[in-house]
Each structure stands twice: as structure tokens, then as C-alpha cells.
N, C-alpha and C. Protein backbone atom coordinates (compact mmCIF):
# COMPACT_ATOMS: atom_id res chain seq x y z
N UNK A 1 126.89 106.90 105.05
CA UNK A 1 127.62 106.41 106.05
C UNK A 1 127.04 105.38 105.75
N UNK A 2 125.75 105.09 105.96
CA UNK A 2 125.09 103.91 106.56
C UNK A 2 125.43 102.80 105.66
N UNK A 3 125.35 103.36 103.46
CA UNK A 3 125.31 102.73 103.16
C UNK A 3 126.95 101.95 102.84
N UNK A 4 127.86 102.32 102.93
CA UNK A 4 129.11 101.87 103.18
C UNK A 4 129.22 101.06 104.04
N UNK A 5 128.83 101.21 105.67
CA UNK A 5 128.84 99.79 106.38
C UNK A 5 127.96 98.91 105.99
N UNK A 6 126.61 98.92 104.93
CA UNK A 6 126.09 97.98 105.25
C UNK A 6 126.59 96.92 103.70
N UNK A 7 127.19 98.00 102.88
CA UNK A 7 128.47 97.18 101.70
C UNK A 7 129.19 96.58 102.63
N UNK A 8 129.79 97.04 103.56
CA UNK A 8 131.09 96.00 104.18
C UNK A 8 130.48 95.15 104.98
N UNK A 9 129.33 95.11 105.46
CA UNK A 9 128.63 94.02 106.03
C UNK A 9 128.37 92.90 105.25
N UNK A 10 127.72 93.18 104.26
CA UNK A 10 127.25 92.57 103.22
C UNK A 10 128.83 91.38 102.55
N UNK A 11 129.72 92.40 101.96
CA UNK A 11 130.79 91.72 101.49
C UNK A 11 131.58 91.07 103.25
N UNK A 12 132.12 91.05 103.94
CA UNK A 12 131.94 90.50 104.74
C UNK A 12 131.51 89.23 105.33
N UNK A 13 130.45 89.50 105.01
CA UNK A 13 129.33 88.65 105.53
C UNK A 13 129.36 87.01 104.48
N UNK A 14 129.43 87.50 103.02
CA UNK A 14 128.79 86.51 101.57
C UNK A 14 130.35 86.31 101.84
N UNK A 15 131.81 86.73 102.42
CA UNK A 15 133.34 86.17 102.08
C UNK A 15 133.01 85.01 103.22
N UNK A 16 132.34 85.43 104.78
CA UNK A 16 132.59 84.07 105.43
C UNK A 16 132.05 82.70 105.34
N UNK A 17 130.59 83.14 104.13
CA UNK A 17 129.68 82.38 103.80
C UNK A 17 130.48 81.45 102.85
N UNK A 18 131.19 82.31 102.15
CA UNK A 18 132.09 81.72 101.09
C UNK A 18 133.02 80.49 101.61
N UNK A 19 133.24 81.06 102.10
CA UNK A 19 134.44 79.96 103.32
C UNK A 19 134.09 78.99 103.89
N UNK A 20 132.97 78.94 104.51
CA UNK A 20 132.79 77.76 104.61
C UNK A 20 132.07 76.60 103.93
N UNK A 21 131.82 77.35 102.96
CA UNK A 21 130.89 76.22 101.75
C UNK A 21 131.65 76.22 100.99
N UNK A 22 132.75 76.75 100.98
CA UNK A 22 134.49 76.19 100.40
C UNK A 22 134.75 74.81 101.03
N UNK A 23 135.21 75.20 102.39
CA UNK A 23 135.49 74.19 103.66
C UNK A 23 134.74 72.85 103.32
N UNK A 24 133.33 73.66 103.35
CA UNK A 24 132.76 71.88 103.91
C UNK A 24 132.54 71.32 102.61
N UNK A 25 133.04 72.09 101.32
CA UNK A 25 132.88 71.31 99.91
C UNK A 25 134.40 70.43 99.80
N UNK A 26 135.19 70.43 100.79
CA UNK A 26 136.62 69.88 100.50
C UNK A 26 137.71 71.01 100.00
N UNK A 27 138.01 71.70 99.95
CA UNK A 27 138.58 72.98 99.92
C UNK A 27 138.82 73.56 98.65
N UNK A 28 140.17 73.80 98.16
CA UNK A 28 139.90 73.90 96.87
C UNK A 28 140.11 75.48 96.94
N UNK A 29 140.27 75.96 95.55
CA UNK A 29 140.99 77.63 95.80
C UNK A 29 139.33 78.21 96.14
N UNK A 30 139.39 79.82 96.67
CA UNK A 30 138.10 80.28 97.00
C UNK A 30 137.94 81.43 96.02
N UNK A 31 136.65 81.48 95.03
CA UNK A 31 136.32 82.54 94.65
C UNK A 31 135.69 83.48 95.17
N UNK A 32 136.81 84.93 95.42
CA UNK A 32 136.79 85.80 95.77
C UNK A 32 135.45 87.25 95.05
N UNK A 33 135.40 86.83 93.65
CA UNK A 33 134.87 87.74 92.74
C UNK A 33 133.06 87.60 93.48
N UNK A 34 132.38 86.40 93.09
CA UNK A 34 131.24 85.76 93.47
C UNK A 34 130.44 86.65 94.96
N UNK A 35 131.10 86.37 95.97
CA UNK A 35 130.22 86.73 97.30
C UNK A 35 130.28 88.70 96.98
N UNK A 36 131.58 88.94 96.57
CA UNK A 36 131.62 90.49 96.16
C UNK A 36 130.22 91.05 95.36
N UNK A 37 130.35 90.18 94.54
CA UNK A 37 128.59 90.31 93.11
C UNK A 37 127.69 90.24 94.04
N UNK A 38 127.72 89.03 94.77
CA UNK A 38 126.49 88.95 95.74
C UNK A 38 126.06 89.93 96.49
N UNK A 39 127.55 90.56 97.45
CA UNK A 39 127.09 91.05 98.11
C UNK A 39 126.78 92.83 97.75
N UNK A 40 127.42 93.17 96.54
CA UNK A 40 126.51 94.30 95.02
C UNK A 40 125.24 94.11 95.49
N UNK A 41 124.42 92.85 94.63
CA UNK A 41 123.07 93.03 94.52
C UNK A 41 122.59 93.14 95.66
N UNK A 42 122.59 92.39 97.00
CA UNK A 42 121.81 92.61 98.15
C UNK A 42 121.86 94.23 98.64
N UNK A 43 123.29 94.64 98.41
CA UNK A 43 123.31 95.87 98.85
C UNK A 43 122.12 96.63 98.06
N UNK A 44 122.29 96.34 96.91
CA UNK A 44 121.27 97.51 96.28
C UNK A 44 119.91 97.11 96.05
N UNK A 45 119.21 95.71 96.34
CA UNK A 45 118.20 95.63 96.96
C UNK A 45 117.95 96.35 98.47
N UNK A 46 118.71 96.14 99.15
CA UNK A 46 118.97 97.17 100.70
C UNK A 46 118.68 98.44 100.48
N UNK A 47 119.17 98.81 99.34
CA UNK A 47 118.94 100.38 98.65
C UNK A 47 117.43 100.84 98.08
N UNK A 48 117.52 99.54 97.46
CA UNK A 48 115.88 100.04 96.96
C UNK A 48 114.56 100.24 98.30
N UNK A 49 114.65 99.02 98.82
CA UNK A 49 113.65 98.63 99.86
C UNK A 49 114.00 100.29 100.60
N UNK A 50 114.86 100.91 101.12
CA UNK A 50 115.46 102.33 101.81
C UNK A 50 114.85 103.37 101.28
N UNK A 51 114.98 103.23 100.02
CA UNK A 51 114.17 104.81 99.28
C UNK A 51 112.98 104.08 99.15
N UNK A 52 112.49 103.06 98.72
CA UNK A 52 110.94 102.98 99.03
C UNK A 52 110.24 103.02 100.07
N UNK A 53 110.96 102.80 101.19
CA UNK A 53 110.23 103.45 102.58
C UNK A 53 110.51 104.62 103.21
N UNK A 54 110.45 105.57 102.44
CA UNK A 54 110.77 106.51 102.99
C UNK A 54 109.91 106.96 102.79
N UNK A 55 109.36 107.89 104.03
CA UNK A 55 108.58 109.25 103.48
C UNK A 55 108.56 110.35 102.30
N UNK A 56 107.15 110.82 101.95
CA UNK A 56 107.50 111.77 101.30
C UNK A 56 106.78 113.22 102.15
N UNK A 57 108.06 114.17 102.53
CA UNK A 57 107.61 114.74 104.07
C UNK A 57 107.27 116.20 102.95
N UNK A 58 106.75 116.27 101.51
CA UNK A 58 106.68 117.19 100.40
C UNK A 58 105.13 117.80 100.56
N UNK A 59 104.36 116.93 101.11
CA UNK A 59 103.03 116.85 101.28
C UNK A 59 102.52 117.64 102.60
N UNK A 60 101.97 118.34 102.22
CA UNK A 60 101.47 119.07 103.64
C UNK A 60 99.51 117.76 104.21
N UNK A 61 99.82 117.96 105.33
CA UNK A 61 99.08 117.25 106.64
C UNK A 61 98.41 118.08 106.74
N UNK A 62 96.88 118.05 107.06
CA UNK A 62 96.03 118.28 107.48
C UNK A 62 95.64 118.47 109.16
N UNK A 63 95.89 117.26 109.47
CA UNK A 63 96.27 116.89 110.74
C UNK A 63 97.02 117.56 111.59
N UNK A 64 97.18 117.75 113.22
CA UNK A 64 98.19 118.21 113.78
C UNK A 64 98.66 117.23 115.09
N UNK A 65 99.78 117.06 115.38
CA UNK A 65 99.77 115.95 116.32
C UNK A 65 100.27 116.84 117.73
């Protein structure tokens, strides 16, 4: 579920940035595909960082806390 919410937020934020930058540039037609592509790219990066940051729970520790 957290990955779905992350993707939705990435799409929303990139679409807002796209709108603001398009408005500052004098308007014109909005490109809706490029922000979605960037959102997918950022989502994949976040997913990889999340997978890499997980600890391996299969090893047995000799310490007890």
C-alpha cells in the first residue's frame, strides 16, 4: 500500500511542478506524459532505496537485547 501512495504522491507533485513551470513559461499545451514518466523514475528509485535499506532478518544474532 505504501508503494501505491508513494506513486500517487509522485505523480501529483510532478504534475503540479509541470503546471507551474508551464505557466511561468508563458502557457501553452500541458505535457501530461513527461511528469508521469518522471514519477515512475522517482518511484523506482525510492523502491530500490527501500529494498536496499531493509535489514536481513534471516541471520542469527549472538547478542541478546
